[in-house]
C-alpha atoms as a PDB file:
ATOM      1  CA  UNK A   1     -54.330  73.390 -39.685  1.00  0.00           C
ATOM      2  CA  UNK A   2     -54.412  69.712 -38.982  1.00  0.00           C
ATOM      3  CA  UNK A   3     -57.482  67.108 -38.499  1.00  0.00           C
ATOM      4  CA  UNK A   4     -58.639  64.393 -35.842  1.00  0.00           C
ATOM      5  CA  UNK A   5     -60.917  61.863 -36.666  1.00  0.00           C
ATOM      6  CA  UNK A   6     -62.665  59.629 -34.140  1.00  0.00           C
ATOM      7  CA  UNK A   7     -62.442  56.410 -35.639  1.00  0.00           C
ATOM      8  CA  UNK A   8     -64.339  54.547 -33.206  1.00  0.00           C
ATOM      9  CA  UNK A   9     -65.682  55.757 -30.072  1.00  0.00           C
ATOM     10  CA  UNK A  10     -68.843  54.350 -27.311  1.00  0.00           C
ATOM     11  CA  UNK A  11     -71.356  56.018 -25.477  1.00  0.00           C
ATOM     12  CA  UNK A  12     -71.084  57.907 -23.126  1.00  0.00           C
ATOM     13  CA  UNK A  13     -68.673  60.387 -24.983  1.00  0.00           C
ATOM     14  CA  UNK A  14     -69.347  64.223 -25.554  1.00  0.00           C
ATOM     15  CA  UNK A  15     -67.170  67.021 -25.996  1.00  0.00           C
ATOM     16  CA  UNK A  16     -67.140  68.945 -22.535  1.00  0.00           C
ATOM     17  CA  UNK A  17     -65.332  72.506 -20.892  1.00  0.00           C
ATOM     18  CA  UNK A  18     -65.435  74.116 -18.021  1.00  0.00           C
ATOM     19  CA  UNK A  19     -69.687  74.146 -18.672  1.00  0.00           C
ATOM     20  CA  UNK A  20     -72.363  77.246 -19.326  1.00  0.00           C
ATOM     21  CA  UNK A  21     -72.184  79.078 -16.357  1.00  0.00           C
ATOM     22  CA  UNK A  22     -74.335  81.772 -14.786  1.00  0.00           C
ATOM     23  CA  UNK A  23     -77.444  81.351 -16.059  1.00  0.00           C
ATOM     24  CA  UNK A  24     -78.755  78.973 -14.009  1.00  0.00           C
ATOM     25  CA  UNK A  25     -81.940  81.088 -12.906  1.00  0.00           C
ATOM     26  CA  UNK A  26     -82.993  80.676 -16.072  1.00  0.00           C
ATOM     27  CA  UNK A  27     -83.410  77.252 -15.747  1.00  0.00           C
ATOM     28  CA  UNK A  28     -80.324  76.538 -18.171  1.00  0.00           C
ATOM     29  CA  UNK A  29     -78.525  73.432 -16.878  1.00  0.00           C
ATOM     30  CA  UNK A  30     -74.589  73.523 -16.312  1.00  0.00           C
ATOM     31  CA  UNK A  31     -73.207  70.724 -18.355  1.00  0.00           C
ATOM     32  CA  UNK A  32     -69.515  70.392 -18.887  1.00  0.00           C
ATOM     33  CA  UNK A  33     -67.305  67.642 -16.942  1.00  0.00           C
ATOM     34  CA  UNK A  34     -67.597  65.269 -14.608  1.00  0.00           C
ATOM     35  CA  UNK A  35     -63.765  65.062 -13.240  1.00  0.00           C
ATOM     36  CA  UNK A  36     -62.991  68.794 -13.766  1.00  0.00           C
ATOM     37  CA  UNK A  37     -59.416  67.847 -12.564  1.00  0.00           C
ATOM     38  CA  UNK A  38     -58.843  65.210 -14.975  1.00  0.00           C
ATOM     39  CA  UNK A  39     -60.348  67.914 -17.818  1.00  0.00           C
ATOM     40  CA  UNK A  40     -57.478  70.754 -15.900  1.00  0.00           C
ATOM     41  CA  UNK A  41     -54.941  68.290 -16.455  1.00  0.00           C
ATOM     42  CA  UNK A  42     -54.669  67.056 -19.780  1.00  0.00           C
ATOM     43  CA  UNK A  43     -55.357  70.741 -20.438  1.00  0.00           C
ATOM     44  CA  UNK A  44     -52.721  72.241 -18.685  1.00  0.00           C
ATOM     45  CA  UNK A  45     -50.646  69.345 -20.157  1.00  0.00           C
ATOM     46  CA  UNK A  46     -51.025  70.544 -23.767  1.00  0.00           C
ATOM     47  CA  UNK A  47     -50.774  74.258 -22.901  1.00  0.00           C
ATOM     48  CA  UNK A  48     -54.603  75.119 -23.129  1.00  0.00           C
ATOM     49  CA  UNK A  49     -56.405  76.948 -20.175  1.00  0.00           C
ATOM     50  CA  UNK A  50     -57.517  74.419 -17.826  1.00  0.00           C
ATOM     51  CA  UNK A  51     -61.545  74.779 -18.583  1.00  0.00           C
ATOM     52  CA  UNK A  52     -60.849  74.268 -21.983  1.00  0.00           C
ATOM     53  CA  UNK A  53     -63.292  72.575 -24.233  1.00  0.00           C
ATOM     54  CA  UNK A  54     -61.677  68.382 -24.378  1.00  0.00           C
ATOM     55  CA  UNK A  55     -63.172  64.926 -25.605  1.00  0.00           C
ATOM     56  CA  UNK A  56     -64.895  63.577 -22.237  1.00  0.00           C
ATOM     57  CA  UNK A  57     -64.758  59.462 -22.799  1.00  0.00           C
ATOM     58  CA  UNK A  58     -67.019  56.730 -21.632  1.00  0.00           C
ATOM     59  CA  UNK A  59     -66.127  53.853 -20.183  1.00  0.00           C
ATOM     60  CA  UNK A  60     -65.924  52.012 -23.473  1.00  0.00           C
ATOM     61  CA  UNK A  61     -63.358  52.099 -25.761  1.00  0.00           C
ATOM     62  CA  UNK A  62     -62.002  54.672 -28.226  1.00  0.00           C
ATOM     63  CA  UNK A  63     -59.508  55.178 -31.159  1.00  0.00           C
ATOM     64  CA  UNK A  64     -58.626  58.862 -32.689  1.00  0.00           C
ATOM     65  CA  UNK A  65     -56.733  59.505 -36.117  1.00  0.00           C
ATOM     66  CA  UNK A  66     -54.635  62.647 -36.775  1.00  0.00           C
ATOM     67  CA  UNK A  67     -55.192  63.927 -40.770  1.00  0.00           C
ATOM     68  CA  UNK A  68     -53.538  66.570 -42.432  1.00  0.00           C
ATOM     69  CA  UNK A  69     -50.642  66.706 -40.133  1.00  0.00           C
ATOM     70  CA  UNK A  70     -49.508  66.114 -36.486  1.00  0.00           C
ATOM     71  CA  UNK A  71     -51.588  66.973 -33.626  1.00  0.00           C
ATOM     72  CA  UNK A  72     -50.357  66.674 -30.237  1.00  0.00           C
ATOM     73  CA  UNK A  73     -52.959  65.395 -27.388  1.00  0.00           C
ATOM     74  CA  UNK A  74     -52.691  64.584 -23.859  1.00  0.00           C
ATOM     75  CA  UNK A  75     -54.812  62.310 -21.974  1.00  0.00           C
ATOM     76  CA  UNK A  76     -55.820  62.162 -17.726  1.00  0.00           C
ATOM     77  CA  UNK A  77     -58.549  61.184 -15.934  1.00  0.00           C
ATOM     78  CA  UNK A  78     -59.981  57.191 -15.478  1.00  0.00           C
ATOM     79  CA  UNK A  79     -56.567  54.886 -16.283  1.00  0.00           C
ATOM     80  CA  UNK A  80     -57.008  52.618 -19.695  1.00  0.00           C
ATOM     81  CA  UNK A  81     -54.866  51.259 -22.143  1.00  0.00           C
ATOM     82  CA  UNK A  82     -53.308  53.696 -24.512  1.00  0.00           C
ATOM     83  CA  UNK A  83     -51.838  52.812 -27.529  1.00  0.00           C
ATOM     84  CA  UNK A  84     -50.066  53.644 -31.509  1.00  0.00           C
ATOM     85  CA  UNK A  85     -50.066  50.722 -32.950  1.00  0.00           C
ATOM     86  CA  UNK A  86     -48.502  48.346 -30.008  1.00  0.00           C
ATOM     87  CA  UNK A  87     -46.518  51.945 -28.597  1.00  0.00           C
ATOM     88  CA  UNK A  88     -48.024  52.139 -25.042  1.00  0.00           C
ATOM     89  CA  UNK A  89     -48.905  55.577 -24.323  1.00  0.00           C
ATOM     90  CA  UNK A  90     -49.029  57.070 -20.616  1.00  0.00           C
ATOM     91  CA  UNK A  91     -51.703  58.699 -19.126  1.00  0.00           C
ATOM     92  CA  UNK A  92     -51.106  61.846 -17.472  1.00  0.00           C
ATOM     93  CA  UNK A  93     -48.669  62.839 -20.449  1.00  0.00           C
ATOM     94  CA  UNK A  94     -48.466  64.518 -23.853  1.00  0.00           C
ATOM     95  CA  UNK A  95     -48.229  62.788 -27.059  1.00  0.00           C
ATOM     96  CA  UNK A  96     -48.174  63.902 -30.897  1.00  0.00           C
ATOM     97  CA  UNK A  97     -49.483  61.653 -33.196  1.00  0.00           C
ATOM     98  CA  UNK A  98     -48.349  61.851 -36.601  1.00  0.00           C
ATOM     99  CA  UNK A  99     -50.340  61.989 -39.999  1.00  0.00           C
ATOM    100  CA  UNK A 100     -52.406  59.134 -40.061  1.00  0.00           C
ATOM    101  CA  UNK A 101     -51.246  57.373 -36.785  1.00  0.00           C
ATOM    102  CA  UNK A 102     -54.286  56.665 -34.519  1.00  0.00           C
ATOM    103  CA  UNK A 103     -54.654  56.597 -30.565  1.00  0.00           C
ATOM    104  CA  UNK A 104     -56.126  53.260 -29.984  1.00  0.00           C
ATOM    105  CA  UNK A 105     -58.024  52.998 -26.148  1.00  0.00           C
ATOM    106  CA  UNK A 106     -59.509  50.671 -24.274  1.00  0.00           C
ATOM    107  CA  UNK A 107     -61.995  50.622 -21.664  1.00  0.00           C
ATOM    108  CA  UNK A 108     -61.553  52.748 -18.570  1.00  0.00           C
ATOM    109  CA  UNK A 109     -60.147  50.724 -15.204  1.00  0.00           C
ATOM    110  CA  UNK A 110     -60.946  51.727 -11.545  1.00  0.00           C
ATOM    111  CA  UNK A 111     -62.702  54.855 -13.010  1.00  0.00           C
ATOM    112  CA  UNK A 112     -65.156  55.974 -15.789  1.00  0.00           C
ATOM    113  CA  UNK A 113     -64.215  59.096 -17.657  1.00  0.00           C
ATOM    114  CA  UNK A 114     -60.783  60.039 -19.400  1.00  0.00           C
ATOM    115  CA  UNK A 115     -59.784  63.093 -21.052  1.00  0.00           C
ATOM    116  CA  UNK A 116     -59.057  63.596 -24.408  1.00  0.00           C
ATOM    117  CA  UNK A 117     -57.359  66.995 -24.714  1.00  0.00           C
ATOM    118  CA  UNK A 118     -56.052  68.704 -27.887  1.00  0.00           C
ATOM    119  CA  UNK A 119     -53.516  71.384 -28.356  1.00  0.00           C
ATOM    120  CA  UNK A 120     -54.933  74.303 -29.228  1.00  0.00           C
ATOM    121  CA  UNK A 121     -58.260  73.106 -27.812  1.00  0.00           C
ATOM    122  CA  UNK A 122     -61.562  72.244 -29.567  1.00  0.00           C
ATOM    123  CA  UNK A 123     -62.853  74.592 -31.791  1.00  0.00           C
ATOM    124  CA  UNK A 124     -66.655  75.306 -32.193  1.00  0.00           C
ATOM    125  CA  UNK A 125     -69.522  77.965 -31.605  1.00  0.00           C
ATOM    126  CA  UNK A 126     -70.469  78.639 -27.825  1.00  0.00           C
ATOM    127  CA  UNK A 127     -73.796  77.619 -26.918  1.00  0.00           C
ATOM    128  CA  UNK A 128     -74.537  80.291 -23.767  1.00  0.00           C
ATOM    129  CA  UNK A 129     -70.634  81.095 -23.705  1.00  0.00           C
ATOM    130  CA  UNK A 130     -69.460  77.174 -23.091  1.00  0.00           C
ATOM    131  CA  UNK A 131     -69.099  74.028 -26.270  1.00  0.00           C
ATOM    132  CA  UNK A 132     -69.906  71.720 -23.455  1.00  0.00           C
ATOM    133  CA  UNK A 133     -72.261  69.216 -24.578  1.00  0.00           C
ATOM    134  CA  UNK A 134     -76.124  68.290 -22.896  1.00  0.00           C
ATOM    135  CA  UNK A 135     -77.474  65.863 -25.629  1.00  0.00           C
ATOM    136  CA  UNK A 136     -81.052  65.982 -23.979  1.00  0.00           C
ATOM    137  CA  UNK A 137     -81.610  69.850 -24.288  1.00  0.00           C
ATOM    138  CA  UNK A 138     -78.945  69.980 -27.778  1.00  0.00           C
ATOM    139  CA  UNK A 139     -76.971  71.828 -26.512  1.00  0.00           C
ATOM    140  CA  UNK A 140     -73.275  72.662 -27.445  1.00  0.00           C
ATOM    141  CA  UNK A 141     -70.215  71.976 -30.303  1.00  0.00           C
ATOM    142  CA  UNK A 142     -69.401  71.451 -32.687  1.00  0.00           C
ATOM    143  CA  UNK A 143     -71.670  68.443 -31.935  1.00  0.00           C
ATOM    144  CA  UNK A 144     -74.216  69.099 -29.451  1.00  0.00           C
ATOM    145  CA  UNK A 145     -74.443  65.130 -28.880  1.00  0.00           C
ATOM    146  CA  UNK A 146     -72.939  61.927 -27.860  1.00  0.00           C
ATOM    147  CA  UNK A 147     -69.464  61.941 -30.102  1.00  0.00           C
ATOM    148  CA  UNK A 148     -69.608  59.303 -32.772  1.00  0.00           C
ATOM    149  CA  UNK A 149     -67.365  57.625 -35.417  1.00  0.00           C
ATOM    150  CA  UNK A 150     -66.588  59.685 -38.172  1.00  0.00           C
ATOM    151  CA  UNK A 151     -66.593  63.168 -36.674  1.00  0.00           C
ATOM    152  CA  UNK A 152     -63.620  65.171 -36.419  1.00  0.00           C
ATOM    153  CA  UNK A 153     -62.033  67.806 -35.098  1.00  0.00           C
ATOM    154  CA  UNK A 154     -60.295  70.753 -36.882  1.00  0.00           C
ATOM    155  CA  UNK A 155     -57.714  71.479 -34.613  1.00  0.00           C
ATOM    156  CA  UNK A 156     -53.482  73.127 -34.348  1.00  0.00           C
ATOM    157  CA  UNK A 157     -50.897  71.308 -35.894  1.00  0.00           C
ATOM    158  CA  UNK A 158     -48.603  70.352 -33.172  1.00  0.00           C
ATOM    159  CA  UNK A 159     -46.455  72.079 -31.909  1.00  0.00           C
ATOM    160  CA  UNK A 160     -43.186  70.446 -31.835  1.00  0.00           C
ATOM    161  CA  UNK A 161     -42.831  71.318 -27.816  1.00  0.00           C
ATOM    162  CA  UNK A 162     -41.606  68.754 -25.769  1.00  0.00           C
ATOM    163  CA  UNK A 163     -43.718  66.179 -24.665  1.00  0.00           C
ATOM    164  CA  UNK A 164     -44.846  66.445 -20.497  1.00  0.00           C
ATOM    165  CA  UNK A 165     -45.702  64.314 -17.796  1.00  0.00           C
ATOM    166  CA  UNK A 166     -47.717  66.253 -14.892  1.00  0.00           C
ATOM    167  CA  UNK A 167     -47.373  64.652 -11.627  1.00  0.00           C
ATOM    168  CA  UNK A 168     -51.176  64.818  -9.489  1.00  0.00           C
ATOM    169  CA  UNK A 169     -51.325  63.633  -6.202  1.00  0.00           C
ATOM    170  CA  UNK A 170     -52.486  60.387  -5.025  1.00  0.00           C
ATOM    171  CA  UNK A 171     -56.504  60.058  -6.027  1.00  0.00           C
ATOM    172  CA  UNK A 172     -57.742  60.606  -1.789  1.00  0.00           C
ATOM    173  CA  UNK A 173     -59.624  57.474  -0.359  1.00  0.00           C
ATOM    174  CA  UNK A 174     -62.453  56.895   1.842  1.00  0.00           C
ATOM    175  CA  UNK A 175     -65.704  57.832   1.915  1.00  0.00           C
ATOM    176  CA  UNK A 176     -67.269  60.415  -0.269  1.00  0.00           C
ATOM    177  CA  UNK A 177     -67.412  63.442   1.887  1.00  0.00           C
ATOM    178  CA  UNK A 178     -71.497  65.107   2.019  1.00  0.00           C
ATOM    179  CA  UNK A 179     -72.878  67.922   4.112  1.00  0.00           C
ATOM    180  CA  UNK A 180     -76.295  66.932   5.612  1.00  0.00           C
ATOM    181  CA  UNK A 181     -79.325  68.915   4.285  1.00  0.00           C
ATOM    182  CA  UNK A 182     -81.189  71.463   2.994  1.00  0.00           C
ATOM    183  CA  UNK A 183     -83.350  69.293   3.689  1.00  0.00           C
ATOM    184  CA  UNK A 184     -82.482  66.993   6.084  1.00  0.00           C
ATOM    185  CA  UNK A 185     -85.465  67.640   8.253  1.00  0.00           C
ATOM    186  CA  UNK A 186     -87.421  65.592   5.991  1.00  0.00           C
ATOM    187  CA  UNK A 187     -86.157  62.748   7.660  1.00  0.00           C
ATOM    188  CA  UNK A 188     -85.811  61.509  10.871  1.00  0.00           C
ATOM    189  CA  UNK A 189     -82.607  60.679  12.506  1.00  0.00           C
ATOM    190  CA  UNK A 190     -82.934  56.572  11.966  1.00  0.00           C
ATOM    191  CA  UNK A 191     -83.008  56.944   8.430  1.00  0.00           C
ATOM    192  CA  UNK A 192     -80.066  60.030   8.467  1.00  0.00           C
ATOM    193  CA  UNK A 193     -77.721  57.259  10.168  1.00  0.00           C
ATOM    194  CA  UNK A 194     -79.019  54.421   7.908  1.00  0.00           C
ATOM    195  CA  UNK A 195     -78.363  57.011   4.982  1.00  0.00           C
ATOM    196  CA  UNK A 196     -74.720  57.353   6.760  1.00  0.00           C
ATOM    197  CA  UNK A 197     -73.703  53.655   7.856  1.00  0.00           C
ATOM    198  CA  UNK A 198     -74.988  51.769   4.395  1.00  0.00           C
ATOM    199  CA  UNK A 199     -73.385  50.552   1.349  1.00  0.00           C
ATOM    200  CA  UNK A 200     -73.959  52.410  -1.444  1.00  0.00           C
ATOM    201  CA  UNK A 201     -74.133  51.011  -4.961  1.00  0.00           C
ATOM    202  CA  UNK A 202     -74.015  53.284  -8.205  1.00  0.00           C
ATOM    203  CA  UNK A 203     -76.569  52.045 -10.768  1.00  0.00           C
ATOM    204  CA  UNK A 204     -75.612  50.742 -14.368  1.00  0.00           C
ATOM    205  CA  UNK A 205     -78.396  52.824 -15.219  1.00  0.00           C
ATOM    206  CA  UNK A 206     -77.064  55.961 -13.941  1.00  0.00           C
ATOM    207  CA  UNK A 207     -76.065  59.054 -16.861  1.00  0.00           C
ATOM    208  CA  UNK A 208     -74.818  62.524 -16.516  1.00  0.00           C
ATOM    209  CA  UNK A 209     -77.552  63.471 -15.310  1.00  0.00           C
ATOM    210  CA  UNK A 210     -77.985  61.405 -12.344  1.00  0.00           C
ATOM    211  CA  UNK A 211     -76.861  58.602 -10.288  1.00  0.00           C
ATOM    212  CA  UNK A 212     -78.997  56.346  -9.103  1.00  0.00           C
ATOM    213  CA  UNK A 213     -77.752  54.929  -6.117  1.00  0.00           C
ATOM    214  CA  UNK A 214     -78.426  51.291  -5.029  1.00  0.00           C
ATOM    215  CA  UNK A 215     -79.086  50.704  -1.158  1.00  0.00           C
ATOM    216  CA  UNK A 216     -81.379  50.747   1.945  1.00  0.00           C
ATOM    217  CA  UNK A 217     -84.886  52.943   0.781  1.00  0.00           C
ATOM    218  CA  UNK A 218     -84.687  55.699   2.782  1.00  0.00           C
ATOM    219  CA  UNK A 219     -88.091  56.994   4.441  1.00  0.00           C
ATOM    220  CA  UNK A 220     -89.093  60.228   4.757  1.00  0.00           C
ATOM    221  CA  UNK A 221     -90.962  61.650   7.169  1.00  0.00           C
ATOM    222  CA  UNK A 222     -93.881  64.255   5.986  1.00  0.00           C
ATOM    223  CA  UNK A 223     -93.563  62.096   2.039  1.00  0.00           C
ATOM    224  CA  UNK A 224     -91.674  62.969  -0.948  1.00  0.00           C
ATOM    225  CA  UNK A 225     -93.239  66.165  -2.661  1.00  0.00           C
ATOM    226  CA  UNK A 226     -91.765  69.781  -1.425  1.00  0.00           C
ATOM    227  CA  UNK A 227     -91.689  73.571  -2.985  1.00  0.00           C
ATOM    228  CA  UNK A 228     -89.158  72.869  -6.702  1.00  0.00           C
ATOM    229  CA  UNK A 229     -86.074  74.716  -5.155  1.00  0.00           C
ATOM    230  CA  UNK A 230     -82.674  75.147  -6.712  1.00  0.00           C
ATOM    231  CA  UNK A 231     -80.033  72.476  -6.998  1.00  0.00           C
ATOM    232  CA  UNK A 232     -76.361  71.464  -7.415  1.00  0.00           C
ATOM    233  CA  UNK A 233     -73.929  69.302  -8.810  1.00  0.00           C
ATOM    234  CA  UNK A 234     -73.869  66.921  -5.737  1.00  0.00           C
ATOM    235  CA  UNK A 235     -76.998  67.445  -4.782  1.00  0.00           C
ATOM    236  CA  UNK A 236     -78.478  63.942  -3.209  1.00  0.00           C
ATOM    237  CA  UNK A 237     -82.258  63.668  -3.934  1.00  0.00           C
ATOM    238  CA  UNK A 238     -84.665  60.826  -2.282  1.00  0.00           C
ATOM    239  CA  UNK A 239     -87.621  60.282  -4.734  1.00  0.00           C
ATOM    240  CA  UNK A 240     -90.939  58.344  -3.746  1.00  0.00           C
ATOM    241  CA  UNK A 241     -89.820  54.840  -3.635  1.00  0.00           C
ATOM    242  CA  UNK A 242     -86.516  55.874  -1.315  1.00  0.00           C
ATOM    243  CA  UNK A 243     -83.431  55.609  -3.393  1.00  0.00           C
ATOM    244  CA  UNK A 244     -81.291  58.181  -3.770  1.00  0.00           C
ATOM    245  CA  UNK A 245     -80.108  60.207  -6.353  1.00  0.00           C
ATOM    246  CA  UNK A 246     -76.906  61.646  -7.347  1.00  0.00           C
ATOM    247  CA  UNK A 247     -77.300  64.988  -9.332  1.00  0.00           C
ATOM    248  CA  UNK A 248     -74.648  64.902 -11.952  1.00  0.00           C
ATOM    249  CA  UNK A 249     -73.566  67.452 -14.734  1.00  0.00           C
ATOM    250  CA  UNK A 250     -76.773  67.403 -17.142  1.00  0.00           C
ATOM    251  CA  UNK A 251     -78.761  67.944 -13.710  1.00  0.00           C
ATOM    252  CA  UNK A 252     -82.202  70.144 -13.647  1.00  0.00           C
ATOM    253  CA  UNK A 253     -81.876  73.175 -11.747  1.00  0.00           C
ATOM    254  CA  UNK A 254     -84.274  73.133  -9.657  1.00  0.00           C
ATOM    255  CA  UNK A 255     -85.959  69.719  -8.054  1.00  0.00           C
ATOM    256  CA  UNK A 256     -89.178  69.028  -6.262  1.00  0.00           C
ATOM    257  CA  UNK A 257     -87.982  65.777  -4.159  1.00  0.00           C
ATOM    258  CA  UNK A 258     -86.226  66.675  -0.783  1.00  0.00           C
ATOM    259  CA  UNK A 259     -81.851  66.683  -0.682  1.00  0.00           C
ATOM    260  CA  UNK A 260     -80.783  64.403   2.294  1.00  0.00           C
ATOM    261  CA  UNK A 261     -77.244  65.886   1.508  1.00  0.00           C
ATOM    262  CA  UNK A 262     -75.037  66.965  -1.012  1.00  0.00           C
ATOM    263  CA  UNK A 263     -71.928  66.294  -1.663  1.00  0.00           C
ATOM    264  CA  UNK A 264     -68.823  68.719  -1.216  1.00  0.00           C
ATOM    265  CA  UNK A 265     -67.369  70.037  -4.266  1.00  0.00           C
ATOM    266  CA  UNK A 266     -63.852  68.485  -3.096  1.00  0.00           C
ATOM    267  CA  UNK A 267     -65.260  64.612  -4.279  1.00  0.00           C
ATOM    268  CA  UNK A 268     -68.237  65.474  -6.933  1.00  0.00           C
ATOM    269  CA  UNK A 269     -65.612  64.030  -9.172  1.00  0.00           C
ATOM    270  CA  UNK A 270     -64.252  61.358  -7.376  1.00  0.00           C
ATOM    271  CA  UNK A 271     -67.922  60.476  -7.343  1.00  0.00           C
ATOM    272  CA  UNK A 272     -68.263  60.610 -10.511  1.00  0.00           C
ATOM    273  CA  UNK A 273     -65.233  58.527 -11.177  1.00  0.00           C
ATOM    274  CA  UNK A 274     -67.331  55.606  -9.235  1.00  0.00           C
ATOM    275  CA  UNK A 275     -67.707  52.762 -11.133  1.00  0.00           C
ATOM    276  CA  UNK A 276     -70.903  51.077 -11.565  1.00  0.00           C
ATOM    277  CA  UNK A 277     -71.179  48.732  -9.278  1.00  0.00           C
ATOM    278  CA  UNK A 278     -68.475  49.727  -6.805  1.00  0.00           C
ATOM    279  CA  UNK A 279     -69.618  50.065  -3.315  1.00  0.00           C
ATOM    280  CA  UNK A 280     -68.791  53.064  -1.289  1.00  0.00           C
ATOM    281  CA  UNK A 281     -70.650  54.877   1.666  1.00  0.00           C
ATOM    282  CA  UNK A 282     -70.531  58.365   2.629  1.00  0.00           C
ATOM    283  CA  UNK A 283     -69.309  60.285   5.752  1.00  0.00           C
ATOM    284  CA  UNK A 284     -70.762  63.337   7.079  1.00  0.00           C
ATOM    285  CA  UNK A 285     -68.385  66.882   7.266  1.00  0.00           C
ATOM    286  CA  UNK A 286     -69.355  70.776   8.392  1.00  0.00           C
ATOM    287  CA  UNK A 287     -70.108  72.802   6.303  1.00  0.00           C
ATOM    288  CA  UNK A 288     -66.687  74.520   7.490  1.00  0.00           C
ATOM    289  CA  UNK A 289     -64.902  71.530   6.438  1.00  0.00           C
ATOM    290  CA  UNK A 290     -66.331  71.443   3.193  1.00  0.00           C
ATOM    291  CA  UNK A 291     -65.244  75.165   2.248  1.00  0.00           C
ATOM    292  CA  UNK A 292     -61.396  74.126   3.192  1.00  0.00           C
ATOM    293  CA  UNK A 293     -61.602  71.435   0.754  1.00  0.00           C
ATOM    294  CA  UNK A 294     -63.109  73.489  -1.939  1.00  0.00           C
ATOM    295  CA  UNK A 295     -59.886  76.130  -1.197  1.00  0.00           C
ATOM    296  CA  UNK A 296     -57.414  73.289  -1.903  1.00  0.00           C
ATOM    297  CA  UNK A 297     -59.432  72.128  -4.621  1.00  0.00           C
ATOM    298  CA  UNK A 298     -58.806  75.716  -6.509  1.00  0.00           C
ATOM    299  CA  UNK A 299     -55.548  75.604  -5.302  1.00  0.00           C
ATOM    300  CA  UNK A 300     -54.888  72.087  -6.805  1.00  0.00           C
ATOM    301  CA  UNK A 301     -55.885  73.473  -9.970  1.00  0.00           C
ATOM    302  CA  UNK A 302     -54.156  76.607  -9.952  1.00  0.00           C
ATOM    303  CA  UNK A 303     -50.437  74.995  -9.657  1.00  0.00           C
ATOM    304  CA  UNK A 304     -51.643  72.484 -12.253  1.00  0.00           C
ATOM    305  CA  UNK A 305     -48.419  73.740 -14.083  1.00  0.00           C
ATOM    306  CA  UNK A 306     -45.785  73.910 -11.353  1.00  0.00           C
ATOM    307  CA  UNK A 307     -46.495  70.056 -11.109  1.00  0.00           C
ATOM    308  CA  UNK A 308     -45.602  70.094 -15.896  1.00  0.00           C
ATOM    309  CA  UNK A 309     -42.120  67.750 -15.894  1.00  0.00           C
ATOM    310  CA  UNK A 310     -40.330  66.680 -19.228  1.00  0.00           C
ATOM    311  CA  UNK A 311     -41.440  63.260 -20.040  1.00  0.00           C
ATOM    312  CA  UNK A 312     -39.218  60.013 -21.023  1.00  0.00           C
ATOM    313  CA  UNK A 313     -39.121  59.903 -24.459  1.00  0.00           C
ATOM    314  CA  UNK A 314     -38.786  55.963 -24.653  1.00  0.00           C
ATOM    315  CA  UNK A 315     -41.116  54.216 -27.229  1.00  0.00           C
ATOM    316  CA  UNK A 316     -42.188  50.731 -25.221  1.00  0.00           C
ATOM    317  CA  UNK A 317     -43.312  48.882 -27.783  1.00  0.00           C
ATOM    318  CA  UNK A 318     -45.952  46.321 -25.786  1.00  0.00           C
ATOM    319  CA  UNK A 319     -46.915  43.877 -28.652  1.00  0.00           C
ATOM    320  CA  UNK A 320     -42.744  43.039 -29.289  1.00  0.00           C
ATOM    321  CA  UNK A 321     -41.724  42.662 -25.414  1.00  0.00           C
ATOM    322  CA  UNK A 322     -45.278  40.250 -25.227  1.00  0.00           C
ATOM    323  CA  UNK A 323     -43.600  37.935 -28.088  1.00  0.00           C
ATOM    324  CA  UNK A 324     -39.774  38.091 -26.360  1.00  0.00           C
ATOM    325  CA  UNK A 325     -37.981  35.535 -24.770  1.00  0.00           C
ATOM    326  CA  UNK A 326     -36.728  36.759 -21.488  1.00  0.00           C
ATOM    327  CA  UNK A 327     -37.334  33.997 -19.315  1.00  0.00           C
ATOM    328  CA  UNK A 328     -34.546  33.801 -16.609  1.00  0.00           C
ATOM    329  CA  UNK A 329     -32.660  37.017 -17.834  1.00  0.00           C
ATOM    330  CA  UNK A 330     -32.472  40.568 -16.302  1.00  0.00           C
ATOM    331  CA  UNK A 331     -34.030  42.580 -19.174  1.00  0.00           C
ATOM    332  CA  UNK A 332     -34.124  45.877 -19.582  1.00  0.00           C
ATOM    333  CA  UNK A 333     -37.820  46.155 -20.856  1.00  0.00           C
ATOM    334  CA  UNK A 334     -36.870  49.107 -24.014  1.00  0.00           C
ATOM    335  CA  UNK A 335     -33.871  48.140 -24.964  1.00  0.00           C
ATOM    336  CA  UNK A 336     -34.468  45.082 -27.532  1.00  0.00           C
ATOM    337  CA  UNK A 337     -31.123  43.635 -27.402  1.00  0.00           C
ATOM    338  CA  UNK A 338     -31.454  42.618 -24.219  1.00  0.00           C
ATOM    339  CA  UNK A 339     -34.323  40.436 -25.118  1.00  0.00           C
ATOM    340  CA  UNK A 340     -32.794  37.709 -25.950  1.00  0.00           C
ATOM    341  CA  UNK A 341     -29.544  36.044 -25.390  1.00  0.00           C
ATOM    342  CA  UNK A 342     -26.893  34.246 -27.376  1.00  0.00           C
ATOM    343  CA  UNK A 343     -26.397  30.400 -27.008  1.00  0.00           C
ATOM    344  CA  UNK A 344     -23.343  30.599 -28.210  1.00  0.00           C
ATOM    345  CA  UNK A 345     -20.647  30.774 -25.146  1.00  0.00           C
END
């Protein structure tokens, strides 16, 4: 066995898997990965089940050190700089950390969450059938809280399998798709039109429980209190101040504010990866379209093993390349012999 030690890590980082399903009727929130596709892709690369437990890394940087042997990992999700001692590590590929080596990750760019999957998956004692962390409730394993420096995982020693990459489809662009309801009748046509026509931004005060949306106030027809009823990932509640909240993975299982719309399953991960302050819009689709997109998303998850390819084995030393004199000549970035041109005739 080897160990993967958290050398440093920012807030909003925790162990997540596919979530604890089947107990919402008892008030138990599901939790789980904010971007299920990214978690599944990282797990597929290292041979795990799609929704096995991995490390969900928030927008800030992190670093991980292998101890007592080599550890094979894969990184997917939000783009960010990654390197091992100045040697660049690509997104959506596997990499094997030798004993004592540290994988260093920078800030997320154009997204919010990245996923580090470990060959053999993270071990822990399931809590109601899942390792997923809900910090508010103190649920999860092996650490029922956000990760911090000094935490470590006992993991399988690296198998020595060839390094792989995965070919994922280009991320969807355009508005976040929603279906109206289930309480859209609590809003008049003008306010529903305002919701759909407006530009929204995610507040910096958002978290895994809910994304607070900044934009125009949406007014209710009959007041903001309703009899509490069930919520799902992507439910968009409108409280009394008129500022919508998109409910995310650590949401409550019921809520007493009218829900003007629901983000379709296929776009919940896209919403989760929308950085705070980034402008976006919503687009209404039919229930039939939402169901069709959900089926496509499920097929994409199932197709991940067929998208694996052999990774290029080139080691690119970014720091050395930055220091090289390459001006005025054609060079090969992976061949240091071409970086400097002799002055001799």
